[in-house]
N, C-alpha and C. Protein backbone atom coordinates (compact mmCIF):
# COMPACT_ATOMS: atom_id res chain seq x y z
N MET A 1 -8.05 1.29 13.58
CA MET A 1 -6.70 1.53 13.99
C MET A 1 -6.02 0.23 14.43
N ILE A 2 -6.77 -0.63 15.10
CA ILE A 2 -6.21 -1.90 15.58
C ILE A 2 -6.85 -3.03 14.80
N ASN A 3 -6.02 -3.94 14.32
CA ASN A 3 -6.50 -5.11 13.60
C ASN A 3 -5.92 -6.34 14.28
N VAL A 4 -6.79 -7.21 14.78
CA VAL A 4 -6.38 -8.45 15.44
C VAL A 4 -6.79 -9.60 14.54
N SER A 5 -5.82 -10.44 14.16
CA SER A 5 -6.13 -11.58 13.30
C SER A 5 -5.43 -12.82 13.82
N ASN A 6 -5.97 -13.96 13.42
CA ASN A 6 -5.45 -15.25 13.84
C ASN A 6 -4.75 -15.88 12.64
N ALA A 7 -3.52 -16.31 12.81
CA ALA A 7 -2.82 -17.00 11.73
C ALA A 7 -3.54 -18.31 11.45
N SER A 8 -3.54 -18.74 10.19
CA SER A 8 -4.32 -19.90 9.80
C SER A 8 -3.89 -21.17 10.56
N ASP A 9 -4.87 -21.87 11.12
CA ASP A 9 -4.70 -23.14 11.83
C ASP A 9 -3.63 -23.09 12.92
N SER A 10 -3.59 -22.00 13.66
CA SER A 10 -2.65 -21.93 14.79
C SER A 10 -3.28 -21.09 15.89
N GLN A 11 -2.59 -21.02 17.00
CA GLN A 11 -3.07 -20.23 18.12
C GLN A 11 -2.31 -18.90 18.23
N VAL A 12 -1.61 -18.53 17.19
CA VAL A 12 -0.86 -17.28 17.16
C VAL A 12 -1.82 -16.15 16.78
N ILE A 13 -1.78 -15.08 17.54
CA ILE A 13 -2.62 -13.92 17.27
C ILE A 13 -1.72 -12.78 16.82
N ARG A 14 -2.07 -12.16 15.72
CA ARG A 14 -1.30 -11.04 15.18
C ARG A 14 -2.06 -9.75 15.45
N ILE A 15 -1.38 -8.79 16.01
CA ILE A 15 -1.98 -7.48 16.31
C ILE A 15 -1.27 -6.44 15.46
N GLN A 16 -2.04 -5.72 14.66
CA GLN A 16 -1.51 -4.67 13.81
C GLN A 16 -2.17 -3.35 14.18
N VAL A 17 -1.38 -2.30 14.30
CA VAL A 17 -1.90 -0.98 14.64
C VAL A 17 -1.43 0.00 13.57
N GLN A 18 -2.38 0.80 13.08
CA GLN A 18 -2.04 1.83 12.10
C GLN A 18 -2.31 3.19 12.73
N SER A 19 -1.31 4.05 12.66
CA SER A 19 -1.44 5.39 13.22
C SER A 19 -0.51 6.32 12.46
N LYS A 20 -0.83 7.62 12.52
CA LYS A 20 0.04 8.61 11.89
C LYS A 20 1.33 8.77 12.67
N ASN A 21 1.26 8.55 13.96
CA ASN A 21 2.44 8.66 14.82
C ASN A 21 2.96 7.26 15.12
N PRO A 22 4.17 6.91 14.70
CA PRO A 22 4.68 5.55 14.92
C PRO A 22 4.88 5.22 16.40
N ASN A 23 5.23 6.21 17.20
CA ASN A 23 5.40 5.94 18.64
C ASN A 23 4.08 5.56 19.29
N ASP A 24 3.01 6.24 18.89
CA ASP A 24 1.69 5.88 19.42
C ASP A 24 1.29 4.47 19.00
N ALA A 25 1.59 4.11 17.76
CA ALA A 25 1.25 2.76 17.27
C ALA A 25 1.97 1.70 18.08
N VAL A 26 3.24 1.93 18.41
CA VAL A 26 4.01 0.98 19.22
C VAL A 26 3.40 0.87 20.61
N LYS A 27 3.07 1.99 21.22
CA LYS A 27 2.48 1.97 22.56
C LYS A 27 1.14 1.25 22.58
N ILE A 28 0.31 1.53 21.58
CA ILE A 28 -1.01 0.88 21.51
C ILE A 28 -0.87 -0.62 21.32
N ALA A 29 0.01 -1.04 20.43
CA ALA A 29 0.20 -2.48 20.17
C ALA A 29 0.71 -3.19 21.42
N ASN A 30 1.71 -2.63 22.07
CA ASN A 30 2.27 -3.28 23.26
C ASN A 30 1.27 -3.28 24.42
N GLU A 31 0.49 -2.21 24.56
CA GLU A 31 -0.53 -2.18 25.63
C GLU A 31 -1.64 -3.18 25.34
N THR A 32 -2.03 -3.32 24.08
CA THR A 32 -3.05 -4.30 23.71
C THR A 32 -2.56 -5.72 24.02
N VAL A 33 -1.31 -6.00 23.71
CA VAL A 33 -0.73 -7.31 24.02
C VAL A 33 -0.71 -7.54 25.54
N ARG A 34 -0.36 -6.52 26.29
CA ARG A 34 -0.32 -6.65 27.76
C ARG A 34 -1.70 -6.96 28.32
N VAL A 35 -2.72 -6.26 27.81
CA VAL A 35 -4.09 -6.51 28.28
C VAL A 35 -4.54 -7.91 27.85
N PHE A 36 -4.25 -8.31 26.62
CA PHE A 36 -4.60 -9.66 26.16
C PHE A 36 -3.96 -10.71 27.06
N LYS A 37 -2.69 -10.51 27.33
CA LYS A 37 -1.95 -11.49 28.14
C LYS A 37 -2.55 -11.61 29.53
N LYS A 38 -3.09 -10.51 30.03
CA LYS A 38 -3.70 -10.50 31.37
C LYS A 38 -5.11 -11.09 31.36
N GLU A 39 -5.90 -10.79 30.34
CA GLU A 39 -7.31 -11.16 30.32
C GLU A 39 -7.62 -12.51 29.66
N ILE A 40 -6.82 -12.95 28.70
CA ILE A 40 -7.09 -14.20 27.98
C ILE A 40 -7.11 -15.41 28.92
N PRO A 41 -6.21 -15.54 29.89
CA PRO A 41 -6.28 -16.71 30.77
C PRO A 41 -7.61 -16.81 31.52
N LYS A 42 -8.23 -15.69 31.83
CA LYS A 42 -9.53 -15.70 32.52
C LYS A 42 -10.65 -16.13 31.58
N ILE A 43 -10.55 -15.73 30.32
CA ILE A 43 -11.62 -16.00 29.36
C ILE A 43 -11.51 -17.41 28.79
N MET A 44 -10.32 -17.85 28.40
CA MET A 44 -10.15 -19.11 27.67
C MET A 44 -9.51 -20.22 28.50
N LYS A 45 -9.20 -19.99 29.72
CA LYS A 45 -8.59 -20.99 30.60
C LYS A 45 -7.28 -21.51 30.02
N ILE A 46 -6.42 -20.58 29.58
CA ILE A 46 -5.10 -20.90 29.04
C ILE A 46 -4.07 -20.22 29.92
N ASP A 47 -2.99 -20.97 30.24
CA ASP A 47 -2.00 -20.38 31.15
C ASP A 47 -0.63 -20.15 30.51
N ASN A 48 -0.41 -20.60 29.28
CA ASN A 48 0.91 -20.46 28.67
C ASN A 48 0.88 -19.46 27.51
N ILE A 49 0.69 -18.21 27.83
CA ILE A 49 0.65 -17.15 26.83
C ILE A 49 2.01 -16.46 26.82
N SER A 50 2.56 -16.30 25.62
CA SER A 50 3.84 -15.61 25.50
C SER A 50 3.81 -14.68 24.28
N VAL A 51 4.64 -13.67 24.33
CA VAL A 51 4.74 -12.70 23.24
C VAL A 51 5.89 -13.13 22.34
N LEU A 52 5.58 -13.34 21.05
CA LEU A 52 6.62 -13.77 20.10
C LEU A 52 7.55 -12.62 19.74
N SER A 53 6.98 -11.48 19.46
CA SER A 53 7.82 -10.31 19.15
C SER A 53 7.07 -9.04 19.53
N PRO A 54 7.63 -8.30 20.48
CA PRO A 54 6.97 -7.04 20.87
C PRO A 54 7.16 -5.98 19.79
N ALA A 55 6.27 -5.00 19.79
CA ALA A 55 6.38 -3.90 18.84
C ALA A 55 7.50 -2.97 19.26
N PHE A 56 8.23 -2.44 18.27
CA PHE A 56 9.29 -1.47 18.55
C PHE A 56 9.35 -0.48 17.40
N TYR A 57 9.93 0.67 17.69
CA TYR A 57 10.06 1.72 16.69
C TYR A 57 11.53 1.97 16.39
N ASP A 58 11.86 1.96 15.11
CA ASP A 58 13.21 2.26 14.67
C ASP A 58 13.10 3.46 13.72
N SER A 59 13.84 4.51 13.99
CA SER A 59 13.73 5.72 13.18
C SER A 59 14.21 5.51 11.74
N ALA A 60 14.97 4.46 11.49
CA ALA A 60 15.44 4.18 10.13
C ALA A 60 14.36 3.53 9.26
N MET A 61 13.28 3.05 9.90
CA MET A 61 12.20 2.41 9.14
C MET A 61 11.38 3.46 8.40
N SER A 62 10.83 3.06 7.27
CA SER A 62 9.95 3.96 6.52
C SER A 62 8.51 3.51 6.72
N PRO A 63 7.55 4.41 6.59
CA PRO A 63 6.14 4.05 6.78
C PRO A 63 5.69 2.99 5.77
N VAL A 64 4.81 2.12 6.22
CA VAL A 64 4.29 1.07 5.37
C VAL A 64 3.16 1.60 4.49
N LYS A 65 2.30 2.41 5.06
CA LYS A 65 1.17 2.98 4.34
C LYS A 65 1.18 4.47 4.53
N PRO A 66 0.67 5.26 3.70
CA PRO A 66 0.25 4.99 2.32
C PRO A 66 1.43 5.13 1.37
N HIS A 67 1.38 4.42 0.29
CA HIS A 67 2.39 4.53 -0.77
C HIS A 67 1.89 5.62 -1.71
N GLN A 68 2.25 6.86 -1.42
CA GLN A 68 1.70 7.98 -2.17
C GLN A 68 2.10 7.95 -3.64
N SER A 69 3.34 7.62 -3.93
CA SER A 69 3.77 7.60 -5.33
C SER A 69 3.05 6.48 -6.09
N LEU A 70 2.87 5.34 -5.46
CA LEU A 70 2.15 4.24 -6.10
C LEU A 70 0.69 4.62 -6.33
N MET A 71 0.08 5.24 -5.34
CA MET A 71 -1.31 5.64 -5.47
C MET A 71 -1.47 6.70 -6.57
N LEU A 72 -0.51 7.58 -6.70
CA LEU A 72 -0.54 8.61 -7.74
C LEU A 72 -0.45 7.97 -9.13
N VAL A 73 0.45 7.03 -9.30
CA VAL A 73 0.61 6.36 -10.59
C VAL A 73 -0.64 5.54 -10.93
N VAL A 74 -1.15 4.79 -9.96
CA VAL A 74 -2.33 3.96 -10.20
C VAL A 74 -3.54 4.83 -10.53
N SER A 75 -3.74 5.91 -9.78
CA SER A 75 -4.89 6.78 -10.05
C SER A 75 -4.75 7.48 -11.40
N GLY A 76 -3.52 7.85 -11.79
CA GLY A 76 -3.31 8.45 -13.10
C GLY A 76 -3.64 7.48 -14.22
N LEU A 77 -3.17 6.24 -14.09
CA LEU A 77 -3.48 5.22 -15.10
C LEU A 77 -4.97 4.91 -15.14
N PHE A 78 -5.59 4.84 -13.96
CA PHE A 78 -7.03 4.57 -13.89
C PHE A 78 -7.80 5.69 -14.57
N GLY A 79 -7.42 6.93 -14.32
CA GLY A 79 -8.09 8.07 -14.96
C GLY A 79 -7.91 8.05 -16.47
N LEU A 80 -6.71 7.70 -16.91
CA LEU A 80 -6.44 7.62 -18.35
C LEU A 80 -7.29 6.53 -19.01
N VAL A 81 -7.35 5.37 -18.39
CA VAL A 81 -8.15 4.26 -18.94
C VAL A 81 -9.63 4.62 -18.97
N ILE A 82 -10.13 5.20 -17.89
CA ILE A 82 -11.54 5.60 -17.85
C ILE A 82 -11.82 6.65 -18.91
N GLY A 83 -10.90 7.61 -19.09
CA GLY A 83 -11.07 8.63 -20.12
C GLY A 83 -11.13 8.04 -21.52
N ILE A 84 -10.26 7.08 -21.80
CA ILE A 84 -10.25 6.44 -23.11
C ILE A 84 -11.53 5.64 -23.33
N ILE A 85 -11.99 4.95 -22.30
CA ILE A 85 -13.24 4.19 -22.41
C ILE A 85 -14.40 5.13 -22.68
N ILE A 86 -14.47 6.24 -21.97
CA ILE A 86 -15.55 7.21 -22.19
C ILE A 86 -15.49 7.76 -23.60
N MET A 87 -14.28 8.04 -24.09
CA MET A 87 -14.12 8.55 -25.45
C MET A 87 -14.65 7.55 -26.48
N PHE A 88 -14.29 6.28 -26.33
CA PHE A 88 -14.76 5.28 -27.28
C PHE A 88 -16.27 5.07 -27.19
N VAL A 89 -16.82 5.08 -26.01
CA VAL A 89 -18.27 4.90 -25.85
C VAL A 89 -19.02 6.07 -26.48
N ARG A 90 -18.54 7.30 -26.23
CA ARG A 90 -19.20 8.47 -26.83
C ARG A 90 -19.10 8.42 -28.35
N ASP A 91 -17.97 8.01 -28.88
CA ASP A 91 -17.82 7.91 -30.32
C ASP A 91 -18.69 6.80 -30.89
N LEU A 92 -18.81 5.71 -30.16
CA LEU A 92 -19.61 4.58 -30.62
C LEU A 92 -21.09 4.95 -30.71
N PHE A 93 -21.60 5.72 -29.76
CA PHE A 93 -23.01 6.06 -29.73
C PHE A 93 -23.31 7.43 -30.36
N ASP A 94 -22.33 8.06 -30.98
CA ASP A 94 -22.54 9.35 -31.63
C ASP A 94 -23.27 9.13 -32.95
N ARG A 95 -24.47 9.68 -33.05
CA ARG A 95 -25.28 9.48 -34.25
C ARG A 95 -25.45 10.79 -35.03
N SER A 96 -24.62 11.76 -34.77
CA SER A 96 -24.76 13.04 -35.47
C SER A 96 -24.18 12.94 -36.89
N ILE A 97 -24.67 13.85 -37.75
CA ILE A 97 -24.23 13.89 -39.14
C ILE A 97 -23.10 14.91 -39.23
N LYS A 98 -21.96 14.48 -39.76
CA LYS A 98 -20.79 15.34 -39.78
C LYS A 98 -20.33 15.75 -41.17
N SER A 99 -20.71 15.04 -42.19
CA SER A 99 -20.24 15.36 -43.54
C SER A 99 -21.35 15.11 -44.56
N LYS A 100 -21.10 15.55 -45.79
CA LYS A 100 -22.11 15.35 -46.84
C LYS A 100 -22.26 13.86 -47.16
N GLU A 101 -21.19 13.09 -46.97
CA GLU A 101 -21.28 11.65 -47.21
C GLU A 101 -22.24 11.00 -46.21
N ASP A 102 -22.23 11.50 -44.97
CA ASP A 102 -23.17 10.98 -43.96
C ASP A 102 -24.61 11.26 -44.38
N VAL A 103 -24.88 12.45 -44.89
CA VAL A 103 -26.24 12.81 -45.33
C VAL A 103 -26.67 11.90 -46.46
N GLU A 104 -25.80 11.71 -47.43
CA GLU A 104 -26.15 10.86 -48.57
C GLU A 104 -26.35 9.41 -48.14
N ALA A 105 -25.53 8.92 -47.22
CA ALA A 105 -25.64 7.52 -46.80
C ALA A 105 -26.87 7.29 -45.93
N ILE A 106 -27.17 8.23 -45.04
CA ILE A 106 -28.27 8.02 -44.09
C ILE A 106 -29.62 8.32 -44.72
N LEU A 107 -29.73 9.45 -45.44
CA LEU A 107 -31.01 9.88 -45.98
C LEU A 107 -31.27 9.42 -47.41
N ASN A 108 -30.24 8.91 -48.08
CA ASN A 108 -30.36 8.50 -49.48
C ASN A 108 -30.85 9.65 -50.36
N LEU A 109 -30.37 10.86 -50.08
CA LEU A 109 -30.72 12.04 -50.86
C LEU A 109 -29.44 12.73 -51.29
N PRO A 110 -29.48 13.36 -52.47
CA PRO A 110 -28.27 14.08 -52.89
C PRO A 110 -28.14 15.40 -52.13
N VAL A 111 -26.90 15.86 -51.96
CA VAL A 111 -26.63 17.12 -51.29
C VAL A 111 -26.65 18.20 -52.36
N LEU A 112 -27.49 19.22 -52.18
CA LEU A 112 -27.61 20.30 -53.17
C LEU A 112 -26.62 21.42 -52.90
N SER A 113 -26.39 21.73 -51.63
CA SER A 113 -25.43 22.80 -51.30
C SER A 113 -24.92 22.59 -49.89
N MET A 114 -23.80 23.29 -49.60
CA MET A 114 -23.21 23.22 -48.27
C MET A 114 -22.87 24.63 -47.81
N ILE A 115 -22.99 24.89 -46.54
CA ILE A 115 -22.59 26.16 -45.96
C ILE A 115 -21.27 25.91 -45.26
N SER A 116 -20.25 26.60 -45.70
CA SER A 116 -18.93 26.37 -45.11
C SER A 116 -18.80 27.15 -43.81
N GLU A 117 -17.80 26.78 -43.05
CA GLU A 117 -17.54 27.42 -41.76
C GLU A 117 -16.86 28.76 -41.98
N ILE A 118 -17.33 29.77 -41.26
CA ILE A 118 -16.72 31.09 -41.36
C ILE A 118 -15.77 31.26 -40.20
N LYS A 119 -14.53 31.57 -40.53
CA LYS A 119 -13.51 31.73 -39.49
C LYS A 119 -13.43 33.18 -39.07
N GLU A 120 -12.91 33.43 -37.88
CA GLU A 120 -12.80 34.78 -37.33
C GLU A 120 -11.92 35.67 -38.22
N ALA A 121 -10.86 35.11 -38.80
CA ALA A 121 -9.98 35.89 -39.68
C ALA A 121 -10.73 36.36 -40.92
N ASP A 122 -11.62 35.53 -41.46
CA ASP A 122 -12.40 35.93 -42.64
C ASP A 122 -13.35 37.07 -42.29
N ILE A 123 -13.92 37.05 -41.11
CA ILE A 123 -14.83 38.12 -40.68
C ILE A 123 -14.07 39.44 -40.57
N GLN A 124 -12.85 39.40 -40.02
CA GLN A 124 -12.05 40.61 -39.89
C GLN A 124 -11.67 41.17 -41.27
N LYS A 125 -11.33 40.32 -42.23
CA LYS A 125 -11.01 40.77 -43.58
C LYS A 125 -12.21 41.45 -44.22
N PHE A 126 -13.38 40.86 -44.04
CA PHE A 126 -14.60 41.43 -44.62
C PHE A 126 -14.88 42.81 -44.02
N LYS A 127 -14.72 42.95 -42.71
CA LYS A 127 -14.95 44.24 -42.06
C LYS A 127 -13.96 45.29 -42.56
N ASN A 128 -12.71 44.91 -42.74
CA ASN A 128 -11.69 45.85 -43.23
C ASN A 128 -12.00 46.30 -44.67
N LYS A 129 -12.48 45.41 -45.52
CA LYS A 129 -12.83 45.77 -46.91
C LYS A 129 -14.00 46.76 -46.93
N ARG A 130 -14.98 46.56 -46.07
CA ARG A 130 -16.14 47.45 -46.03
C ARG A 130 -15.73 48.84 -45.58
N ARG A 131 -14.83 48.92 -44.64
CA ARG A 131 -14.37 50.22 -44.15
C ARG A 131 -13.62 50.98 -45.25
N LYS A 132 -12.81 50.28 -46.01
CA LYS A 132 -12.03 50.92 -47.08
C LYS A 132 -12.95 51.46 -48.17
N ARG A 133 -14.03 50.74 -48.51
CA ARG A 133 -14.94 51.19 -49.54
C ARG A 133 -15.72 52.43 -49.13
N LYS A 134 -16.12 52.48 -47.83
CA LYS A 134 -16.91 53.63 -47.37
C LYS A 134 -16.05 54.89 -47.27
N GLY A 135 -14.85 54.79 -46.91
CA GLY A 135 -14.05 55.92 -46.55
C GLY A 135 -13.33 56.55 -47.65
């Protein structure tokens, strides 16, 4: 929730607070600064501590995190890319025989016959013809 960092090559300390409630984040940041200002002189023997900018809340501000729309777009693109990669990898390593040309190329044998696919509509036609003949 609290992130304290030091700006590069300076004595400035940056305090960042993340919270769902912006008022709580402001209170935590300002209280942390107050405690630092009180305790740092005892620890580091420094007497000139000042606050550059206190935390404040403005209702016109929008939240910094999370960027839900950005995360949605990035995750959608990531899913699409991963799906395409999986598709290509599966196709690349697919060693199944799909046509008579594959049989001839892989086994070096001629194809003597093929069994075609039977569709559901063909089955229904066949059943209807049998019923008409019996009746």
